[in-house]
Amino acid sequence: MLKVIRAKLHGIRVTRADLNYHGSISLDPEHCEAAGIYPMEFVEIWNKNSGSRLSTYVIHGEPGSRCCVLNGAAARTCQIGDELIVAAADYISGPGALYALKPRILTFLPNNEIDQTLAYDVFRSSERPYDFRIIDLDSQSQDGCHTWPNVDVAAIRADLQAKGWADDVVAAFIETHFSL
């Protein structure tokens, strides 16, 4: 049996910490549904800001709220605004089962709006039996995947335009620093 990633919320930001709640992590059920994470499912949580790691279970918050609330003892491991990775795992019978597994990964903008919906894909290539790629599920290709998660390019564009930058200069800046 191999323990593997099944679903992941990558770069979701903490919106609240509630020390006096029973425990768990409260997540927007719309995010959970999009990733395939279930209520009461145990997840691993990795804080990108502090490096802390913990395990707890998921409860649903308000739909559409984009919430990410660490409750109980977990509230001590974070600050509001910290970026988290929330990972759900599964067990598979062996490496051959990796080909059928397509974990869904959501990346987020700073306001917890979904930025990308990705899938991890293990495939047999001419170089190795277990090769790996990340696929953007919207475009069904690797071309749509970017490596600058949690950057709101639209907000950067608007900010530069508000500062008086010409549209062609803004476009060149975005292309240089945030191209796919």
Protein backbone atom coordinates (compact mmCIF):
# COMPACT_ATOMS: atom_id res chain seq x y z
CA MET A 1 0.00 0.00 0.00
CA LEU A 2 1.23 3.46 -0.90
CA LYS A 3 -0.05 6.63 0.75
CA VAL A 4 -0.54 9.25 -1.98
CA ILE A 5 -1.98 12.73 -2.41
CA ARG A 6 -5.65 12.70 -3.42
CA ALA A 7 -6.62 16.38 -3.23
CA LYS A 8 -4.92 19.63 -2.25
CA LEU A 9 -5.72 23.26 -1.51
CA HIS A 10 -2.42 25.02 -2.23
CA GLY A 11 -1.86 28.54 -0.91
CA ILE A 12 -5.23 29.07 0.73
CA ARG A 13 -4.97 31.85 3.31
CA VAL A 14 -6.11 31.73 6.92
CA THR A 15 -9.14 33.98 7.38
CA ARG A 16 -9.63 33.37 11.11
CA ALA A 17 -8.31 31.38 14.05
CA ASP A 18 -10.74 30.30 16.77
CA LEU A 19 -8.94 28.94 19.83
CA ASN A 20 -12.21 28.31 21.70
CA TYR A 21 -13.75 25.99 19.14
CA HIS A 22 -13.62 22.20 19.47
CA GLY A 23 -10.94 21.67 16.86
CA SER A 24 -10.69 21.11 13.11
CA ILE A 25 -10.34 23.33 10.07
CA SER A 26 -13.41 25.11 8.67
CA LEU A 27 -13.34 25.39 4.88
CA ASP A 28 -15.71 26.76 2.27
CA PRO A 29 -17.69 23.72 1.06
CA GLU A 30 -17.43 25.05 -2.51
CA HIS A 31 -13.63 24.79 -2.29
CA CYS A 32 -13.90 21.32 -0.76
CA GLU A 33 -16.25 20.13 -3.49
CA ALA A 34 -14.03 21.54 -6.25
CA ALA A 35 -11.00 19.69 -4.84
CA GLY A 36 -12.76 16.53 -3.66
CA ILE A 37 -12.24 16.99 0.09
CA TYR A 38 -15.01 15.67 2.33
CA PRO A 39 -16.46 16.85 5.65
CA MET A 40 -14.93 15.00 8.63
CA GLU A 41 -12.04 13.82 6.44
CA PHE A 42 -8.63 14.02 8.09
CA VAL A 43 -6.21 16.31 6.27
CA GLU A 44 -2.61 17.36 6.69
CA ILE A 45 -2.03 21.11 7.01
CA TRP A 46 1.32 22.69 6.22
CA ASN A 47 1.82 26.37 7.04
CA LYS A 48 4.03 27.98 4.38
CA ASN A 49 4.75 30.98 6.64
CA SER A 50 5.75 29.23 9.87
CA GLY A 51 6.63 25.74 8.68
CA SER A 52 4.25 24.17 11.21
CA ARG A 53 2.53 20.92 10.27
CA LEU A 54 -0.55 19.36 11.79
CA SER A 55 -3.33 16.93 11.13
CA THR A 56 -7.00 17.62 11.79
CA TYR A 57 -10.42 17.04 10.24
CA VAL A 58 -12.49 19.21 7.91
CA ILE A 59 -15.77 20.86 8.75
CA HIS A 60 -17.73 23.04 6.37
CA GLY A 61 -18.04 26.77 6.85
CA GLU A 62 -20.41 29.08 5.02
CA PRO A 63 -20.73 28.32 1.28
CA GLY A 64 -19.14 31.05 -0.82
CA SER A 65 -17.32 32.58 2.16
CA ARG A 66 -13.83 31.48 1.01
CA CYS A 67 -13.15 30.77 4.69
CA CYS A 68 -10.15 28.93 6.07
CA VAL A 69 -10.44 28.86 9.85
CA LEU A 70 -8.13 26.91 12.13
CA ASN A 71 -10.01 25.88 15.26
CA GLY A 72 -9.00 24.73 18.73
CA ALA A 73 -5.34 23.89 19.26
CA ALA A 74 -4.67 24.35 15.53
CA ALA A 75 -5.44 28.07 15.99
CA ARG A 76 -2.10 28.39 17.81
CA THR A 77 -0.20 27.33 14.66
CA CYS A 78 -1.15 30.24 12.42
CA GLN A 79 -1.78 33.93 11.91
CA ILE A 80 -4.54 35.42 9.80
CA GLY A 81 -3.18 35.71 6.25
CA ASP A 82 -0.78 32.76 6.53
CA GLU A 83 -0.68 30.59 3.41
CA LEU A 84 -1.53 26.94 3.98
CA ILE A 85 -1.38 23.73 2.03
CA VAL A 86 -4.28 21.45 2.96
CA ALA A 87 -3.71 17.93 1.68
CA ALA A 88 -5.99 14.89 1.65
CA ALA A 89 -4.42 11.47 1.14
CA ASP A 90 -5.51 8.03 0.05
CA TYR A 91 -3.97 4.58 -0.08
CA ILE A 92 -3.45 2.72 -3.33
CA SER A 93 -2.54 -0.92 -3.87
CA GLY A 94 0.79 -0.23 -5.58
CA PRO A 95 2.64 1.92 -8.10
CA GLY A 96 0.55 0.66 -11.04
CA ALA A 97 -2.49 2.40 -9.54
CA LEU A 98 -0.74 5.77 -9.92
CA TYR A 99 -1.71 5.90 -13.62
CA ALA A 100 -5.42 6.09 -12.81
CA LEU A 101 -5.06 8.57 -9.94
CA LYS A 102 -5.55 12.23 -10.93
CA PRO A 103 -5.34 14.30 -7.72
CA ARG A 104 -7.12 17.64 -8.02
CA ILE A 105 -5.12 20.64 -6.86
CA LEU A 106 -6.59 24.10 -6.35
CA THR A 107 -4.36 27.17 -6.14
CA PHE A 108 -5.61 30.43 -4.71
CA LEU A 109 -5.37 34.18 -5.09
CA PRO A 110 -4.78 36.24 -1.90
CA ASN A 111 -8.55 36.62 -1.31
CA ASN A 112 -9.01 32.81 -1.43
CA GLU A 113 -10.58 32.93 -4.86
CA ILE A 114 -9.60 29.85 -6.86
CA ASP A 115 -6.81 30.72 -9.29
CA GLN A 116 -6.12 27.38 -11.01
CA THR A 117 -7.59 23.90 -10.96
CA LEU A 118 -4.80 21.46 -11.67
CA ALA A 119 -4.32 17.70 -11.74
CA TYR A 120 -1.22 15.66 -11.07
CA ASP A 121 -0.65 13.03 -13.73
CA VAL A 122 1.65 10.02 -13.56
CA PHE A 123 2.30 8.48 -16.96
CA ARG A 124 4.67 6.11 -18.72
CA SER A 125 7.18 8.00 -20.88
CA SER A 126 10.00 6.84 -23.12
CA GLU A 127 12.46 7.85 -20.38
CA ARG A 128 10.85 6.26 -17.31
CA PRO A 129 7.92 4.10 -16.25
CA TYR A 130 6.60 6.65 -13.73
CA ASP A 131 6.93 10.13 -15.19
CA PHE A 132 5.04 13.13 -13.79
CA ARG A 133 3.37 16.29 -15.06
CA ILE A 134 0.91 18.91 -13.86
CA ILE A 135 -2.10 19.61 -16.05
CA ASP A 136 -4.32 22.70 -16.01
CA LEU A 137 -7.82 21.22 -16.02
CA ASP A 138 -9.35 24.28 -17.68
CA SER A 139 -7.12 24.06 -20.75
CA GLN A 140 -6.40 20.31 -20.44
CA SER A 141 -2.72 21.05 -21.05
CA GLN A 142 0.51 21.86 -19.30
CA ASP A 143 0.56 25.23 -21.03
CA GLY A 144 -1.92 26.83 -18.62
CA CYS A 145 0.05 25.94 -15.49
CA HIS A 146 2.01 28.75 -13.94
CA THR A 147 4.47 28.77 -11.09
CA TRP A 148 3.43 32.02 -9.47
CA PRO A 149 0.60 30.93 -7.20
CA ASN A 150 -1.18 33.41 -4.99
CA VAL A 151 -0.43 36.36 -7.27
CA ASP A 152 -3.44 38.38 -8.37
CA VAL A 153 -2.22 39.50 -11.79
CA ALA A 154 -5.44 41.44 -12.45
CA ALA A 155 -4.85 43.46 -9.26
CA ILE A 156 -1.22 44.11 -10.23
CA ARG A 157 -2.33 45.24 -13.69
CA ALA A 158 -4.94 47.60 -12.18
CA ASP A 159 -2.43 48.98 -9.67
CA LEU A 160 0.15 49.72 -12.37
CA GLN A 161 -2.49 51.36 -14.55
CA ALA A 162 -3.63 53.46 -11.56
CA LYS A 163 -0.02 54.61 -11.18
CA GLY A 164 -0.16 55.94 -14.72
CA TRP A 165 1.72 53.20 -16.55
CA ALA A 166 0.81 52.95 -20.23
CA ASP A 167 -1.13 49.84 -21.26
CA ASP A 168 1.71 48.56 -23.46
CA VAL A 169 4.24 48.99 -20.61
CA VAL A 170 1.91 47.18 -18.20
CA ALA A 171 1.42 44.36 -20.73
CA ALA A 172 5.18 44.03 -21.20
CA PHE A 173 5.73 43.95 -17.43
CA ILE A 174 3.07 41.26 -16.96
CA GLU A 175 4.49 39.22 -19.86
CA THR A 176 8.03 39.45 -18.48
CA HIS A 177 7.22 38.63 -14.87
CA PHE A 178 4.08 36.47 -15.04
CA SER A 179 4.11 34.71 -18.40
CA LEU A 180 2.82 31.16 -18.65
